[in-house]
Amino acid sequence: MPSTRIKLISRSKSDARNVAVRIVEIAKAGDIKYKGPIPLPTRRMKISTRKTPCGDGSHTYEKWEMRIHKWLVEIYGGEQALRQIMRIPVPDTVRIEMTLSS
């Protein structure tokens, strides 16, 4: 049976989670086997910068952090389920990677 691995990547945790829940709802409605949504480890990117651009004054720093959230959903179904999934409205903050295997 063909399977599809769908990986959702986003800076917004709620946006990625909402898209994953919609995919699972489509799988449930079509009576299709699925696994997930599985949260993958969150990637944290941290940057520290000096507050003063010239370097004079006190040594104070600003700390910035960006988090990348990932969710994984596997669907064991046919082409019709994938067509319905492709029609889901996806926010601009979410990136989707699909891997097909037979």
C-alpha atoms as a PDB file:
ATOM      1  CA  MET A   1       0.000   0.000   0.000  1.00  0.00           C
ATOM      2  CA  PRO A   2       1.475   3.425  -0.922  1.00  0.00           C
ATOM      3  CA  SER A   3       2.389   5.700   1.941  1.00  0.00           C
ATOM      4  CA  THR A   4       2.970   9.422   2.125  1.00  0.00           C
ATOM      5  CA  ARG A   5       5.101  11.140   4.754  1.00  0.00           C
ATOM      6  CA  ILE A   6       4.089  14.759   5.283  1.00  0.00           C
ATOM      7  CA  LYS A   7       6.461  17.023   7.220  1.00  0.00           C
ATOM      8  CA  LEU A   8       5.202  20.433   8.344  1.00  0.00           C
ATOM      9  CA  ILE A   9       7.783  23.094   9.225  1.00  0.00           C
ATOM     10  CA  SER A  10       6.873  26.466  10.725  1.00  0.00           C
ATOM     11  CA  ARG A  11       7.950  29.234  13.085  1.00  0.00           C
ATOM     12  CA  SER A  12       4.407  29.264  14.455  1.00  0.00           C
ATOM     13  CA  LYS A  13       3.550  26.185  16.492  1.00  0.00           C
ATOM     14  CA  SER A  14      -0.216  26.689  16.258  1.00  0.00           C
ATOM     15  CA  ASP A  15      -0.234  27.099  12.448  1.00  0.00           C
ATOM     16  CA  ALA A  16       1.681  23.857  11.894  1.00  0.00           C
ATOM     17  CA  ARG A  17      -0.467  22.009  14.428  1.00  0.00           C
ATOM     18  CA  ASN A  18      -3.714  23.242  12.796  1.00  0.00           C
ATOM     19  CA  VAL A  19      -2.623  22.029   9.344  1.00  0.00           C
ATOM     20  CA  ALA A  20      -1.625  18.646  10.823  1.00  0.00           C
ATOM     21  CA  VAL A  21      -5.033  18.311  12.511  1.00  0.00           C
ATOM     22  CA  ARG A  22      -6.799  19.092   9.209  1.00  0.00           C
ATOM     23  CA  ILE A  23      -4.784  16.355   7.466  1.00  0.00           C
ATOM     24  CA  VAL A  24      -5.756  13.852  10.176  1.00  0.00           C
ATOM     25  CA  GLU A  25      -9.427  14.868   9.873  1.00  0.00           C
ATOM     26  CA  ILE A  26      -9.336  14.141   6.128  1.00  0.00           C
ATOM     27  CA  ALA A  27      -7.764  10.736   6.816  1.00  0.00           C
ATOM     28  CA  LYS A  28     -10.431   9.920   9.426  1.00  0.00           C
ATOM     29  CA  ALA A  29     -13.269  11.010   7.128  1.00  0.00           C
ATOM     30  CA  GLY A  30     -11.930   8.861   4.280  1.00  0.00           C
ATOM     31  CA  ASP A  31     -11.364   5.858   6.580  1.00  0.00           C
ATOM     32  CA  ILE A  32      -7.640   5.858   5.763  1.00  0.00           C
ATOM     33  CA  LYS A  33      -4.891   4.531   8.037  1.00  0.00           C
ATOM     34  CA  TYR A  34      -2.566   7.210   9.386  1.00  0.00           C
ATOM     35  CA  LYS A  35       0.073   7.888  12.041  1.00  0.00           C
ATOM     36  CA  GLY A  36       0.477  11.188  13.775  1.00  0.00           C
ATOM     37  CA  PRO A  37       0.647  14.050  14.119  1.00  0.00           C
ATOM     38  CA  ILE A  38       4.048  13.423  15.689  1.00  0.00           C
ATOM     39  CA  PRO A  39       5.907  16.478  17.046  1.00  0.00           C
ATOM     40  CA  LEU A  40       9.592  16.457  16.132  1.00  0.00           C
ATOM     41  CA  PRO A  41      12.251  18.236  18.210  1.00  0.00           C
ATOM     42  CA  THR A  42      12.046  22.027  18.091  1.00  0.00           C
ATOM     43  CA  ARG A  43      15.115  23.743  16.665  1.00  0.00           C
ATOM     44  CA  ARG A  44      16.217  26.869  18.511  1.00  0.00           C
ATOM     45  CA  MET A  45      18.454  29.391  16.828  1.00  0.00           C
ATOM     46  CA  LYS A  46      19.972  31.910  19.242  1.00  0.00           C
ATOM     47  CA  ILE A  47      21.851  35.118  18.425  1.00  0.00           C
ATOM     48  CA  SER A  48      23.459  37.555  20.872  1.00  0.00           C
ATOM     49  CA  THR A  49      24.368  41.065  19.657  1.00  0.00           C
ATOM     50  CA  ARG A  50      25.903  44.127  21.278  1.00  0.00           C
ATOM     51  CA  LYS A  51      23.424  46.904  22.068  1.00  0.00           C
ATOM     52  CA  THR A  52      25.807  49.699  21.115  1.00  0.00           C
ATOM     53  CA  PRO A  53      26.934  49.678  17.481  1.00  0.00           C
ATOM     54  CA  CYS A  54      30.214  51.550  18.081  1.00  0.00           C
ATOM     55  CA  GLY A  55      31.500  49.312  20.886  1.00  0.00           C
ATOM     56  CA  ASP A  56      31.835  52.114  23.467  1.00  0.00           C
ATOM     57  CA  GLY A  57      30.008  52.061  26.759  1.00  0.00           C
ATOM     58  CA  SER A  58      28.897  49.107  28.818  1.00  0.00           C
ATOM     59  CA  HIS A  59      29.071  45.572  27.561  1.00  0.00           C
ATOM     60  CA  THR A  60      25.352  44.875  27.264  1.00  0.00           C
ATOM     61  CA  TYR A  61      23.855  42.332  24.904  1.00  0.00           C
ATOM     62  CA  GLU A  62      20.484  41.654  23.350  1.00  0.00           C
ATOM     63  CA  LYS A  63      19.529  38.020  22.992  1.00  0.00           C
ATOM     64  CA  TRP A  64      17.283  36.874  20.117  1.00  0.00           C
ATOM     65  CA  GLU A  65      15.782  33.436  19.581  1.00  0.00           C
ATOM     66  CA  MET A  66      13.827  31.879  16.726  1.00  0.00           C
ATOM     67  CA  ARG A  67      12.132  28.512  17.128  1.00  0.00           C
ATOM     68  CA  ILE A  68      11.388  26.149  14.247  1.00  0.00           C
ATOM     69  CA  HIS A  69       8.567  23.661  14.963  1.00  0.00           C
ATOM     70  CA  LYS A  70       8.142  20.440  12.982  1.00  0.00           C
ATOM     71  CA  TRP A  71       5.252  17.952  12.817  1.00  0.00           C
ATOM     72  CA  LEU A  72       5.126  14.630  10.987  1.00  0.00           C
ATOM     73  CA  VAL A  73       2.052  12.828   9.624  1.00  0.00           C
ATOM     74  CA  GLU A  74       2.110   9.515   7.719  1.00  0.00           C
ATOM     75  CA  ILE A  75      -0.834   8.494   5.567  1.00  0.00           C
ATOM     76  CA  TYR A  76      -1.336   5.032   4.092  1.00  0.00           C
ATOM     77  CA  GLY A  77      -3.832   5.731   1.367  1.00  0.00           C
ATOM     78  CA  GLY A  78      -4.418   6.294  -2.282  1.00  0.00           C
ATOM     79  CA  GLU A  79      -4.347   9.161  -4.679  1.00  0.00           C
ATOM     80  CA  GLN A  80      -7.789  10.460  -3.755  1.00  0.00           C
ATOM     81  CA  ALA A  81      -6.732  11.254  -0.168  1.00  0.00           C
ATOM     82  CA  LEU A  82      -3.694  13.169  -1.413  1.00  0.00           C
ATOM     83  CA  ARG A  83      -5.863  15.273  -3.705  1.00  0.00           C
ATOM     84  CA  GLN A  84      -8.017  16.300  -0.759  1.00  0.00           C
ATOM     85  CA  ILE A  85      -4.929  17.108   1.318  1.00  0.00           C
ATOM     86  CA  MET A  86      -3.540  19.298  -1.466  1.00  0.00           C
ATOM     87  CA  ARG A  87      -6.706  21.443  -1.263  1.00  0.00           C
ATOM     88  CA  ILE A  88      -6.144  22.413   2.370  1.00  0.00           C
ATOM     89  CA  PRO A  89      -5.500  26.159   2.750  1.00  0.00           C
ATOM     90  CA  VAL A  90      -1.991  26.473   4.177  1.00  0.00           C
ATOM     91  CA  PRO A  91      -0.773  29.687   5.864  1.00  0.00           C
ATOM     92  CA  ASP A  92       2.336  31.389   4.511  1.00  0.00           C
ATOM     93  CA  THR A  93       4.208  30.543   7.708  1.00  0.00           C
ATOM     94  CA  VAL A  94       3.996  26.767   7.097  1.00  0.00           C
ATOM     95  CA  ARG A  95       6.234  24.836   4.700  1.00  0.00           C
ATOM     96  CA  ILE A  96       5.232  21.330   3.609  1.00  0.00           C
ATOM     97  CA  GLU A  97       7.509  18.495   2.496  1.00  0.00           C
ATOM     98  CA  MET A  98       5.867  15.361   1.066  1.00  0.00           C
ATOM     99  CA  THR A  99       7.659  12.074   0.494  1.00  0.00           C
ATOM    100  CA  LEU A 100       5.912   9.348  -1.482  1.00  0.00           C
ATOM    101  CA  SER A 101       6.851   5.665  -1.205  1.00  0.00           C
ATOM    102  CA  SER A 102       5.274   2.499  -2.458  1.00  0.00           C
END
